[in-house]
Amino acid sequence: MNTRLFTILPERTQSPSVKHYKGVPPELTDGEDTRKEMPSALLLVIDNKPDGVFLYRFDAKGECVGDTWHMSIEDAKHQATYEYEGLVTNWQDVPDAIEDVAEYGLARARTM
């Protein structure tokens, strides 16, 4: 099975280093910014798949609020540390039997 890791982010008190948007960048819409900023992430998931390593961000509702592709787990961890400076504390393994990683991680966040 592929390696899967998750971490829960504490509530943020400052603006994020990186913002994620839904929509087309203004450079492709004649300068008009029609993008919508994605909600803040509560849960980060690293999923090592055959076609690369993915860093997923999920909000408190379990909705995906951004993802990025990386060459290695270490690269994905580095990206998470950059985006969420001082908030990424530890990565935990996701058991192989778990299908819905967001649901699993958010259930753990509610018990904290």
PDB file of N, CA and C in Angstrom:
ATOM      1  N   MET A   1       0.845  -1.191   0.000  1.00  0.00           N
ATOM      2  CA  MET A   1       0.000   0.000   0.000  1.00  0.00           C
ATOM      3  C   MET A   1       0.886   1.248   0.000  1.00  0.00           C
ATOM      4  N   ASN A   2       0.369   2.334  -0.494  1.00  0.00           N
ATOM      5  CA  ASN A   2       1.106   3.590  -0.549  1.00  0.00           C
ATOM      6  C   ASN A   2       1.208   4.224   0.835  1.00  0.00           C
ATOM      7  N   THR A   3       2.290   4.952   1.059  1.00  0.00           N
ATOM      8  CA  THR A   3       2.458   5.696   2.302  1.00  0.00           C
ATOM      9  C   THR A   3       1.492   6.865   2.312  1.00  0.00           C
ATOM     10  N   ARG A   4       0.774   7.006   3.425  1.00  0.00           N
ATOM     11  CA  ARG A   4      -0.119   8.152   3.610  1.00  0.00           C
ATOM     12  C   ARG A   4       0.110   8.704   5.009  1.00  0.00           C
ATOM     13  N   LEU A   5       0.224  10.015   5.077  1.00  0.00           N
ATOM     14  CA  LEU A   5       0.483  10.706   6.340  1.00  0.00           C
ATOM     15  C   LEU A   5      -0.519  11.837   6.499  1.00  0.00           C
ATOM     16  N   PHE A   6      -0.783  12.218   7.749  1.00  0.00           N
ATOM     17  CA  PHE A   6      -1.645  13.380   7.972  1.00  0.00           C
ATOM     18  C   PHE A   6      -1.138  14.173   9.168  1.00  0.00           C
ATOM     19  N   THR A   7      -1.507  15.429   9.202  1.00  0.00           N
ATOM     20  CA  THR A   7      -1.256  16.289  10.350  1.00  0.00           C
ATOM     21  C   THR A   7      -2.425  17.253  10.474  1.00  0.00           C
ATOM     22  N   ILE A   8      -2.709  17.612  11.694  1.00  0.00           N
ATOM     23  CA  ILE A   8      -3.799  18.536  11.988  1.00  0.00           C
ATOM     24  C   ILE A   8      -3.180  19.882  12.329  1.00  0.00           C
ATOM     25  N   LEU A   9      -3.708  20.932  11.729  1.00  0.00           N
ATOM     26  CA  LEU A   9      -3.193  22.279  11.968  1.00  0.00           C
ATOM     27  C   LEU A   9      -3.981  22.956  13.081  1.00  0.00           C
ATOM     28  N   PRO A  10      -3.299  23.663  13.969  1.00  0.00           N
ATOM     29  CA  PRO A  10      -4.018  24.448  14.980  1.00  0.00           C
ATOM     30  C   PRO A  10      -4.660  25.660  14.311  1.00  0.00           C
ATOM     31  N   GLU A  11      -5.539  26.314  15.027  1.00  0.00           N
ATOM     32  CA  GLU A  11      -6.169  27.504  14.480  1.00  0.00           C
ATOM     33  C   GLU A  11      -5.117  28.561  14.196  1.00  0.00           C
ATOM     34  N   ARG A  12      -5.258  29.203  13.080  1.00  0.00           N
ATOM     35  CA  ARG A  12      -4.274  30.191  12.634  1.00  0.00           C
ATOM     36  C   ARG A  12      -4.625  31.576  13.180  1.00  0.00           C
ATOM     37  N   THR A  13      -3.608  32.302  13.604  1.00  0.00           N
ATOM     38  CA  THR A  13      -3.824  33.656  14.115  1.00  0.00           C
ATOM     39  C   THR A  13      -3.244  34.711  13.176  1.00  0.00           C
ATOM     40  N   GLN A  14      -2.585  34.268  12.113  1.00  0.00           N
ATOM     41  CA  GLN A  14      -1.985  35.209  11.162  1.00  0.00           C
ATOM     42  C   GLN A  14      -2.343  34.773   9.738  1.00  0.00           C
ATOM     43  N   SER A  15      -2.109  35.653   8.792  1.00  0.00           N
ATOM     44  CA  SER A  15      -2.381  35.338   7.395  1.00  0.00           C
ATOM     45  C   SER A  15      -1.423  34.259   6.910  1.00  0.00           C
ATOM     46  N   PRO A  16      -1.894  33.363   6.043  1.00  0.00           N
ATOM     47  CA  PRO A  16      -1.013  32.305   5.539  1.00  0.00           C
ATOM     48  C   PRO A  16       0.063  32.856   4.606  1.00  0.00           C
ATOM     49  N   SER A  17       1.179  32.129   4.508  1.00  0.00           N
ATOM     50  CA  SER A  17       2.260  32.513   3.599  1.00  0.00           C
ATOM     51  C   SER A  17       1.823  32.336   2.146  1.00  0.00           C
ATOM     52  N   VAL A  18       0.977  31.340   1.917  1.00  0.00           N
ATOM     53  CA  VAL A  18       0.505  31.009   0.574  1.00  0.00           C
ATOM     54  C   VAL A  18      -1.013  30.931   0.606  1.00  0.00           C
ATOM     55  N   LYS A  19      -1.652  31.510  -0.397  1.00  0.00           N
ATOM     56  CA  LYS A  19      -3.111  31.423  -0.505  1.00  0.00           C
ATOM     57  C   LYS A  19      -3.452  30.529  -1.687  1.00  0.00           C
ATOM     58  N   HIS A  20      -4.535  29.783  -1.542  1.00  0.00           N
ATOM     59  CA  HIS A  20      -5.002  28.915  -2.617  1.00  0.00           C
ATOM     60  C   HIS A  20      -6.312  29.485  -3.154  1.00  0.00           C
ATOM     61  N   TYR A  21      -6.432  29.456  -4.480  1.00  0.00           N
ATOM     62  CA  TYR A  21      -7.602  30.027  -5.134  1.00  0.00           C
ATOM     63  C   TYR A  21      -8.261  28.999  -6.046  1.00  0.00           C
ATOM     64  N   LYS A  22      -9.547  29.218  -6.260  1.00  0.00           N
ATOM     65  CA  LYS A  22     -10.300  28.431  -7.223  1.00  0.00           C
ATOM     66  C   LYS A  22     -10.619  29.371  -8.382  1.00  0.00           C
ATOM     67  N   GLY A  23     -10.269  28.951  -9.579  1.00  0.00           N
ATOM     68  CA  GLY A  23     -10.535  29.792 -10.740  1.00  0.00           C
ATOM     69  C   GLY A  23      -9.282  30.077 -11.543  1.00  0.00           C
ATOM     70  N   VAL A  24      -9.471  30.836 -12.585  1.00  0.00           N
ATOM     71  CA  VAL A  24      -8.413  31.150 -13.539  1.00  0.00           C
ATOM     72  C   VAL A  24      -7.661  32.398 -13.084  1.00  0.00           C
ATOM     73  N   PRO A  25      -6.323  32.389 -13.176  1.00  0.00           N
ATOM     74  CA  PRO A  25      -5.559  33.566 -12.756  1.00  0.00           C
ATOM     75  C   PRO A  25      -5.858  34.787 -13.623  1.00  0.00           C
ATOM     76  N   PRO A  26      -5.691  35.986 -13.043  1.00  0.00           N
ATOM     77  CA  PRO A  26      -6.002  37.214 -13.779  1.00  0.00           C
ATOM     78  C   PRO A  26      -5.218  37.369 -15.084  1.00  0.00           C
ATOM     79  N   GLU A  27      -4.037  36.763 -15.140  1.00  0.00           N
ATOM     80  CA  GLU A  27      -3.236  36.849 -16.372  1.00  0.00           C
ATOM     81  C   GLU A  27      -3.944  36.205 -17.560  1.00  0.00           C
ATOM     82  N   LEU A  28      -4.882  35.330 -17.283  1.00  0.00           N
ATOM     83  CA  LEU A  28      -5.610  34.646 -18.362  1.00  0.00           C
ATOM     84  C   LEU A  28      -7.013  35.198 -18.577  1.00  0.00           C
ATOM     85  N   THR A  29      -7.384  36.244 -17.821  1.00  0.00           N
ATOM     86  CA  THR A  29      -8.716  36.847 -17.965  1.00  0.00           C
ATOM     87  C   THR A  29      -8.608  38.352 -18.178  1.00  0.00           C
ATOM     88  N   ASP A  30      -7.630  38.761 -18.984  1.00  0.00           N
ATOM     89  CA  ASP A  30      -7.409  40.172 -19.293  1.00  0.00           C
ATOM     90  C   ASP A  30      -7.277  41.040 -18.042  1.00  0.00           C
ATOM     91  N   GLY A  31      -6.641  40.503 -17.003  1.00  0.00           N
ATOM     92  CA  GLY A  31      -6.373  41.264 -15.789  1.00  0.00           C
ATOM     93  C   GLY A  31      -7.498  41.257 -14.768  1.00  0.00           C
ATOM     94  N   GLU A  32      -8.657  40.713 -15.116  1.00  0.00           N
ATOM     95  CA  GLU A  32      -9.769  40.665 -14.166  1.00  0.00           C
ATOM     96  C   GLU A  32      -9.603  39.452 -13.247  1.00  0.00           C
ATOM     97  N   ASP A  33      -9.621  39.713 -11.947  1.00  0.00           N
ATOM     98  CA  ASP A  33      -9.437  38.632 -10.988  1.00  0.00           C
ATOM     99  C   ASP A  33     -10.802  38.097 -10.557  1.00  0.00           C
ATOM    100  N   THR A  34     -11.178  36.963 -11.111  1.00  0.00           N
ATOM    101  CA  THR A  34     -12.470  36.343 -10.802  1.00  0.00           C
ATOM    102  C   THR A  34     -12.312  35.150  -9.868  1.00  0.00           C
ATOM    103  N   ARG A  35     -11.089  34.929  -9.386  1.00  0.00           N
ATOM    104  CA  ARG A  35     -10.831  33.786  -8.507  1.00  0.00           C
ATOM    105  C   ARG A  35     -11.512  33.976  -7.155  1.00  0.00           C
ATOM    106  N   LYS A  36     -11.739  32.861  -6.485  1.00  0.00           N
ATOM    107  CA  LYS A  36     -12.267  32.855  -5.120  1.00  0.00           C
ATOM    108  C   LYS A  36     -11.218  32.213  -4.215  1.00  0.00           C
ATOM    109  N   GLU A  37     -10.911  32.866  -3.096  1.00  0.00           N
ATOM    110  CA  GLU A  37      -9.938  32.302  -2.169  1.00  0.00           C
ATOM    111  C   GLU A  37     -10.539  31.076  -1.486  1.00  0.00           C
ATOM    112  N   MET A  38      -9.746  30.021  -1.409  1.00  0.00           N
ATOM    113  CA  MET A  38     -10.187  28.781  -0.775  1.00  0.00           C
ATOM    114  C   MET A  38     -10.175  28.968   0.747  1.00  0.00           C
ATOM    115  N   PRO A  39     -11.054  28.235   1.459  1.00  0.00           N
ATOM    116  CA  PRO A  39     -11.057  28.322   2.927  1.00  0.00           C
ATOM    117  C   PRO A  39      -9.740  27.829   3.524  1.00  0.00           C
ATOM    118  N   SER A  40      -9.522  28.145   4.789  1.00  0.00           N
ATOM    119  CA  SER A  40      -8.307  27.725   5.491  1.00  0.00           C
ATOM    120  C   SER A  40      -8.289  26.220   5.692  1.00  0.00           C
ATOM    121  N   ALA A  41      -7.101  25.662   5.657  1.00  0.00           N
ATOM    122  CA  ALA A  41      -6.932  24.226   5.871  1.00  0.00           C
ATOM    123  C   ALA A  41      -6.880  23.922   7.361  1.00  0.00           C
ATOM    124  N   LEU A  42      -7.430  22.777   7.721  1.00  0.00           N
ATOM    125  CA  LEU A  42      -7.344  22.251   9.079  1.00  0.00           C
ATOM    126  C   LEU A  42      -6.530  20.961   9.096  1.00  0.00           C
ATOM    127  N   LEU A  43      -6.555  20.272   7.973  1.00  0.00           N
ATOM    128  CA  LEU A  43      -5.929  18.962   7.865  1.00  0.00           C
ATOM    129  C   LEU A  43      -5.059  18.918   6.614  1.00  0.00           C
ATOM    130  N   LEU A  44      -3.836  18.412   6.760  1.00  0.00           N
ATOM    131  CA  LEU A  44      -2.952  18.191   5.618  1.00  0.00           C
ATOM    132  C   LEU A  44      -2.738  16.692   5.476  1.00  0.00           C
ATOM    133  N   VAL A  45      -2.737  16.230   4.237  1.00  0.00           N
ATOM    134  CA  VAL A  45      -2.532  14.807   3.950  1.00  0.00           C
ATOM    135  C   VAL A  45      -1.466  14.682   2.878  1.00  0.00           C
ATOM    136  N   ILE A  46      -0.507  13.808   3.099  1.00  0.00           N
ATOM    137  CA  ILE A  46       0.486  13.460   2.087  1.00  0.00           C
ATOM    138  C   ILE A  46       0.158  12.056   1.616  1.00  0.00           C
ATOM    139  N   ASP A  47       0.004  11.904   0.317  1.00  0.00           N
ATOM    140  CA  ASP A  47      -0.339  10.609  -0.275  1.00  0.00           C
ATOM    141  C   ASP A  47       0.705  10.273  -1.329  1.00  0.00           C
ATOM    142  N   ASN A  48       1.483   9.233  -1.081  1.00  0.00           N
ATOM    143  CA  ASN A  48       2.532   8.792  -1.992  1.00  0.00           C
ATOM    144  C   ASN A  48       1.930   7.791  -2.974  1.00  0.00           C
ATOM    145  N   LYS A  49       1.707   8.237  -4.205  1.00  0.00           N
ATOM    146  CA  LYS A  49       1.070   7.411  -5.234  1.00  0.00           C
ATOM    147  C   LYS A  49       2.093   7.060  -6.313  1.00  0.00           C
ATOM    148  N   PRO A  50       1.770   6.105  -7.184  1.00  0.00           N
ATOM    149  CA  PRO A  50       2.713   5.726  -8.243  1.00  0.00           C
ATOM    150  C   PRO A  50       3.113   6.889  -9.163  1.00  0.00           C
ATOM    151  N   ASP A  51       2.221   7.871  -9.333  1.00  0.00           N
ATOM    152  CA  ASP A  51       2.521   8.993 -10.229  1.00  0.00           C
ATOM    153  C   ASP A  51       3.036  10.227  -9.492  1.00  0.00           C
ATOM    154  N   GLY A  52       3.442  10.073  -8.243  1.00  0.00           N
ATOM    155  CA  GLY A  52       4.011  11.196  -7.500  1.00  0.00           C
ATOM    156  C   GLY A  52       3.440  11.285  -6.099  1.00  0.00           C
ATOM    157  N   VAL A  53       3.898  12.284  -5.392  1.00  0.00           N
ATOM    158  CA  VAL A  53       3.460  12.518  -4.022  1.00  0.00           C
ATOM    159  C   VAL A  53       2.560  13.750  -4.038  1.00  0.00           C
ATOM    160  N   PHE A  54       1.404  13.616  -3.404  1.00  0.00           N
ATOM    161  CA  PHE A  54       0.433  14.705  -3.385  1.00  0.00           C
ATOM    162  C   PHE A  54       0.260  15.221  -1.970  1.00  0.00           C
ATOM    163  N   LEU A  55       0.234  16.546  -1.851  1.00  0.00           N
ATOM    164  CA  LEU A  55      -0.063  17.207  -0.589  1.00  0.00           C
ATOM    165  C   LEU A  55      -1.459  17.802  -0.736  1.00  0.00           C
ATOM    166  N   TYR A  56      -2.399  17.259   0.038  1.00  0.00           N
ATOM    167  CA  TYR A  56      -3.784  17.725   0.007  1.00  0.00           C
ATOM    168  C   TYR A  56      -4.050  18.552   1.247  1.00  0.00           C
ATOM    169  N   ARG A  57      -4.888  19.572   1.078  1.00  0.00           N
ATOM    170  CA  ARG A  57      -5.317  20.409   2.182  1.00  0.00           C
ATOM    171  C   ARG A  57      -6.834  20.277   2.290  1.00  0.00           C
ATOM    172  N   PHE A  58      -7.341  20.065   3.509  1.00  0.00           N
ATOM    173  CA  PHE A  58      -8.774  19.919   3.735  1.00  0.00           C
ATOM    174  C   PHE A  58      -9.227  20.922   4.781  1.00  0.00           C
ATOM    175  N   ASP A  59     -10.435  21.467   4.578  1.00  0.00           N
ATOM    176  CA  ASP A  59     -10.993  22.381   5.576  1.00  0.00           C
ATOM    177  C   ASP A  59     -11.736  21.592   6.649  1.00  0.00           C
ATOM    178  N   ALA A  60     -12.357  22.290   7.582  1.00  0.00           N
ATOM    179  CA  ALA A  60     -13.036  21.647   8.711  1.00  0.00           C
ATOM    180  C   ALA A  60     -14.240  20.811   8.275  1.00  0.00           C
ATOM    181  N   LYS A  61     -14.745  21.049   7.064  1.00  0.00           N
ATOM    182  CA  LYS A  61     -15.878  20.276   6.549  1.00  0.00           C
ATOM    183  C   LYS A  61     -15.425  19.036   5.778  1.00  0.00           C
ATOM    184  N   GLY A  62     -14.116  18.884   5.606  1.00  0.00           N
ATOM    185  CA  GLY A  62     -13.596  17.755   4.842  1.00  0.00           C
ATOM    186  C   GLY A  62     -13.508  18.014   3.352  1.00  0.00           C
ATOM    187  N   GLU A  63     -13.706  19.266   2.952  1.00  0.00           N
ATOM    188  CA  GLU A  63     -13.605  19.649   1.542  1.00  0.00           C
ATOM    189  C   GLU A  63     -12.145  19.918   1.194  1.00  0.00           C
ATOM    190  N   CYS A  64     -11.728  19.471   0.032  1.00  0.00           N
ATOM    191  CA  CYS A  64     -10.368  19.735  -0.422  1.00  0.00           C
ATOM    192  C   CYS A  64     -10.247  21.215  -0.775  1.00  0.00           C
ATOM    193  N   VAL A  65      -9.260  21.882  -0.177  1.00  0.00           N
ATOM    194  CA  VAL A  65      -9.056  23.310  -0.422  1.00  0.00           C
ATOM    195  C   VAL A  65      -7.676  23.577  -1.022  1.00  0.00           C
ATOM    196  N   GLY A  66      -7.186  22.600  -1.762  1.00  0.00           N
ATOM    197  CA  GLY A  66      -5.923  22.773  -2.468  1.00  0.00           C
ATOM    198  C   GLY A  66      -5.117  21.493  -2.473  1.00  0.00           C
ATOM    199  N   ASP A  67      -4.350  21.319  -3.535  1.00  0.00           N
ATOM    200  CA  ASP A  67      -3.436  20.183  -3.620  1.00  0.00           C
ATOM    201  C   ASP A  67      -2.261  20.553  -4.497  1.00  0.00           C
ATOM    202  N   THR A  68      -1.131  19.925  -4.223  1.00  0.00           N
ATOM    203  CA  THR A  68       0.068  20.138  -5.019  1.00  0.00           C
ATOM    204  C   THR A  68       0.779  18.809  -5.218  1.00  0.00           C
ATOM    205  N   TRP A  69       1.500  18.699  -6.333  1.00  0.00           N
ATOM    206  CA  TRP A  69       2.259  17.496  -6.675  1.00  0.00           C
ATOM    207  C   TRP A  69       3.715  17.710  -6.282  1.00  0.00           C
ATOM    208  N   HIS A  70       4.344  16.652  -5.772  1.00  0.00           N
ATOM    209  CA  HIS A  70       5.749  16.734  -5.361  1.00  0.00           C
ATOM    210  C   HIS A  70       6.494  15.479  -5.791  1.00  0.00           C
ATOM    211  N   MET A  71       7.808  15.579  -5.874  1.00  0.00           N
ATOM    212  CA  MET A  71       8.639  14.445  -6.285  1.00  0.00           C
ATOM    213  C   MET A  71       8.894  13.465  -5.150  1.00  0.00           C
ATOM    214  N   SER A  72       8.803  13.925  -3.894  1.00  0.00           N
ATOM    215  CA  SER A  72       9.087  13.045  -2.763  1.00  0.00           C
ATOM    216  C   SER A  72       8.263  13.467  -1.552  1.00  0.00           C
ATOM    217  N   ILE A  73       8.199  12.584  -0.573  1.00  0.00           N
ATOM    218  CA  ILE A  73       7.503  12.905   0.673  1.00  0.00           C
ATOM    219  C   ILE A  73       8.201  14.073   1.359  1.00  0.00           C
ATOM    220  N   GLU A  74       9.528  14.081   1.328  1.00  0.00           N
ATOM    221  CA  GLU A  74      10.269  15.186   1.955  1.00  0.00           C
ATOM    222  C   GLU A  74       9.939  16.519   1.289  1.00  0.00           C
ATOM    223  N   ASP A  75       9.798  16.530  -0.037  1.00  0.00           N
ATOM    224  CA  ASP A  75       9.421  17.767  -0.743  1.00  0.00           C
ATOM    225  C   ASP A  75       8.038  18.236  -0.295  1.00  0.00           C
ATOM    226  N   ALA A  76       7.104  17.304  -0.159  1.00  0.00           N
ATOM    227  CA  ALA A  76       5.749  17.650   0.269  1.00  0.00           C
ATOM    228  C   ALA A  76       5.763  18.202   1.698  1.00  0.00           C
ATOM    229  N   LYS A  77       6.545  17.589   2.565  1.00  0.00           N
ATOM    230  CA  LYS A  77       6.667  18.079   3.938  1.00  0.00           C
ATOM    231  C   LYS A  77       7.275  19.480   3.964  1.00  0.00           C
ATOM    232  N   HIS A  78       8.275  19.700   3.125  1.00  0.00           N
ATOM    233  CA  HIS A  78       8.906  21.018   3.040  1.00  0.00           C
ATOM    234  C   HIS A  78       7.877  22.065   2.599  1.00  0.00           C
ATOM    235  N   GLN A  79       7.061  21.745   1.600  1.00  0.00           N
ATOM    236  CA  GLN A  79       6.031  22.672   1.124  1.00  0.00           C
ATOM    237  C   GLN A  79       5.043  22.989   2.241  1.00  0.00           C
ATOM    238  N   ALA A  80       4.615  21.961   2.968  1.00  0.00           N
ATOM    239  CA  ALA A  80       3.672  22.167   4.070  1.00  0.00           C
ATOM    240  C   ALA A  80       4.283  23.067   5.141  1.00  0.00           C
ATOM    241  N   THR A  81       5.539  22.839   5.469  1.00  0.00           N
ATOM    242  CA  THR A  81       6.226  23.648   6.476  1.00  0.00           C
ATOM    243  C   THR A  81       6.340  25.096   6.011  1.00  0.00           C
ATOM    244  N   TYR A  82       6.589  25.298   4.716  1.00  0.00           N
ATOM    245  CA  TYR A  82       6.673  26.654   4.169  1.00  0.00           C
ATOM    246  C   TYR A  82       5.312  27.355   4.243  1.00  0.00           C
ATOM    247  N   GLU A  83       4.271  26.664   3.785  1.00  0.00           N
ATOM    248  CA  GLU A  83       2.944  27.279   3.740  1.00  0.00           C
ATOM    249  C   GLU A  83       2.366  27.540   5.123  1.00  0.00           C
ATOM    250  N   TYR A  84       2.621  26.636   6.041  1.00  0.00           N
ATOM    251  CA  TYR A  84       2.020  26.703   7.370  1.00  0.00           C
ATOM    252  C   TYR A  84       3.109  26.812   8.437  1.00  0.00           C
ATOM    253  N   GLU A  85       3.956  27.807   8.254  1.00  0.00           N
ATOM    254  CA  GLU A  85       5.125  28.011   9.102  1.00  0.00           C
ATOM    255  C   GLU A  85       4.756  28.009  10.586  1.00  0.00           C
ATOM    256  N   GLY A  86       5.420  27.144  11.333  1.00  0.00           N
ATOM    257  CA  GLY A  86       5.206  27.053  12.763  1.00  0.00           C
ATOM    258  C   GLY A  86       3.962  26.288  13.181  1.00  0.00           C
ATOM    259  N   LEU A  87       3.164  25.814  12.217  1.00  0.00           N
ATOM    260  CA  LEU A  87       1.911  25.123  12.549  1.00  0.00           C
ATOM    261  C   LEU A  87       1.975  23.617  12.337  1.00  0.00           C
ATOM    262  N   VAL A  88       2.891  23.161  11.493  1.00  0.00           N
ATOM    263  CA  VAL A  88       3.012  21.725  11.229  1.00  0.00           C
ATOM    264  C   VAL A  88       3.891  21.138  12.327  1.00  0.00           C
ATOM    265  N   THR A  89       3.279  20.325  13.185  1.00  0.00           N
ATOM    266  CA  THR A  89       4.024  19.806  14.329  1.00  0.00           C
ATOM    267  C   THR A  89       4.491  18.372  14.127  1.00  0.00           C
ATOM    268  N   ASN A  90       3.604  17.500  13.696  1.00  0.00           N
ATOM    269  CA  ASN A  90       4.027  16.109  13.495  1.00  0.00           C
ATOM    270  C   ASN A  90       3.137  15.435  12.457  1.00  0.00           C
ATOM    271  N   TRP A  91       3.723  14.508  11.759  1.00  0.00           N
ATOM    272  CA  TRP A  91       3.002  13.723  10.755  1.00  0.00           C
ATOM    273  C   TRP A  91       2.727  12.351  11.342  1.00  0.00           C
ATOM    274  N   GLN A  92       1.512  11.877  11.127  1.00  0.00           N
ATOM    275  CA  GLN A  92       1.115  10.564  11.623  1.00  0.00           C
ATOM    276  C   GLN A  92       0.744   9.666  10.450  1.00  0.00           C
ATOM    277  N   ASP A  93       1.015   8.381  10.583  1.00  0.00           N
ATOM    278  CA  ASP A  93       0.649   7.417   9.552  1.00  0.00           C
ATOM    279  C   ASP A  93      -0.857   7.212   9.517  1.00  0.00           C
ATOM    280  N   VAL A  94      -1.371   7.011   8.316  1.00  0.00           N
ATOM    281  CA  VAL A  94      -2.773   6.636   8.128  1.00  0.00           C
ATOM    282  C   VAL A  94      -2.791   5.122   7.954  1.00  0.00           C
ATOM    283  N   PRO A  95      -3.564   4.406   8.763  1.00  0.00           N
ATOM    284  CA  PRO A  95      -3.623   2.944   8.612  1.00  0.00           C
ATOM    285  C   PRO A  95      -4.083   2.535   7.212  1.00  0.00           C
ATOM    286  N   ASP A  96      -3.544   1.441   6.707  1.00  0.00           N
ATOM    287  CA  ASP A  96      -3.870   0.963   5.363  1.00  0.00           C
ATOM    288  C   ASP A  96      -5.365   0.736   5.162  1.00  0.00           C
ATOM    289  N   ALA A  97      -6.076   0.318   6.205  1.00  0.00           N
ATOM    290  CA  ALA A  97      -7.505  -0.007   6.080  1.00  0.00           C
ATOM    291  C   ALA A  97      -8.386   1.229   5.883  1.00  0.00           C
ATOM    292  N   ILE A  98      -7.859   2.403   6.136  1.00  0.00           N
ATOM    293  CA  ILE A  98      -8.652   3.638   6.025  1.00  0.00           C
ATOM    294  C   ILE A  98      -8.786   4.036   4.561  1.00  0.00           C
ATOM    295  N   GLU A  99     -10.035   4.222   4.127  1.00  0.00           N
ATOM    296  CA  GLU A  99     -10.284   4.663   2.750  1.00  0.00           C
ATOM    297  C   GLU A  99     -10.405   6.176   2.648  1.00  0.00           C
ATOM    298  N   ASP A 100     -11.164   6.792   3.552  1.00  0.00           N
ATOM    299  CA  ASP A 100     -11.385   8.236   3.515  1.00  0.00           C
ATOM    300  C   ASP A 100     -10.434   8.914   4.505  1.00  0.00           C
ATOM    301  N   VAL A 101      -9.309   9.369   3.994  1.00  0.00           N
ATOM    302  CA  VAL A 101      -8.273   9.951   4.851  1.00  0.00           C
ATOM    303  C   VAL A 101      -8.748  11.255   5.490  1.00  0.00           C
ATOM    304  N   ALA A 102      -9.510  12.058   4.761  1.00  0.00           N
ATOM    305  CA  ALA A 102     -10.005  13.317   5.317  1.00  0.00           C
ATOM    306  C   ALA A 102     -10.929  13.041   6.502  1.00  0.00           C
ATOM    307  N   GLU A 103     -11.841  12.123   6.348  1.00  0.00           N
ATOM    308  CA  GLU A 103     -12.754  11.772   7.440  1.00  0.00           C
ATOM    309  C   GLU A 103     -11.974  11.259   8.650  1.00  0.00           C
ATOM    310  N   TYR A 104     -11.000  10.416   8.400  1.00  0.00           N
ATOM    311  CA  TYR A 104     -10.161   9.850   9.459  1.00  0.00           C
ATOM    312  C   TYR A 104      -9.418  10.957  10.211  1.00  0.00           C
ATOM    313  N   GLY A 105      -8.759  11.841   9.484  1.00  0.00           N
ATOM    314  CA  GLY A 105      -7.992  12.929  10.103  1.00  0.00           C
ATOM    315  C   GLY A 105      -8.869  13.913  10.854  1.00  0.00           C
ATOM    316  N   LEU A 106     -10.017  14.253  10.271  1.00  0.00           N
ATOM    317  CA  LEU A 106     -10.904  15.208  10.936  1.00  0.00           C
ATOM    318  C   LEU A 106     -11.517  14.611  12.196  1.00  0.00           C
ATOM    319  N   ALA A 107     -11.766  13.306  12.208  1.00  0.00           N
ATOM    320  CA  ALA A 107     -12.263  12.654  13.421  1.00  0.00           C
ATOM    321  C   ALA A 107     -11.227  12.793  14.538  1.00  0.00           C
ATOM    322  N   ARG A 108      -9.951  12.670  14.201  1.00  0.00           N
ATOM    323  CA  ARG A 108      -8.902  12.849  15.190  1.00  0.00           C
ATOM    324  C   ARG A 108      -8.812  14.295  15.641  1.00  0.00           C
ATOM    325  N   ALA A 109      -9.045  15.240  14.734  1.00  0.00           N
ATOM    326  CA  ALA A 109      -8.997  16.664  15.088  1.00  0.00           C
ATOM    327  C   ALA A 109     -10.088  17.016  16.096  1.00  0.00           C
ATOM    328  N   ARG A 110     -11.249  16.380  15.972  1.00  0.00           N
ATOM    329  CA  ARG A 110     -12.358  16.668  16.890  1.00  0.00           C
ATOM    330  C   ARG A 110     -12.102  16.157  18.303  1.00  0.00           C
ATOM    331  N   THR A 111     -11.203  15.185  18.432  1.00  0.00           N
ATOM    332  CA  THR A 111     -10.913  14.633  19.759  1.00  0.00           C
ATOM    333  C   THR A 111      -9.791  15.393  20.458  1.00  0.00           C
ATOM    334  N   MET A 112      -9.223  16.348  19.792  1.00  0.00           N
ATOM    335  CA  MET A 112      -8.103  17.103  20.383  1.00  0.00           C
ATOM    336  C   MET A 112      -8.612  18.284  21.190  1.00  0.00           C
TER     337      MET A 112
END
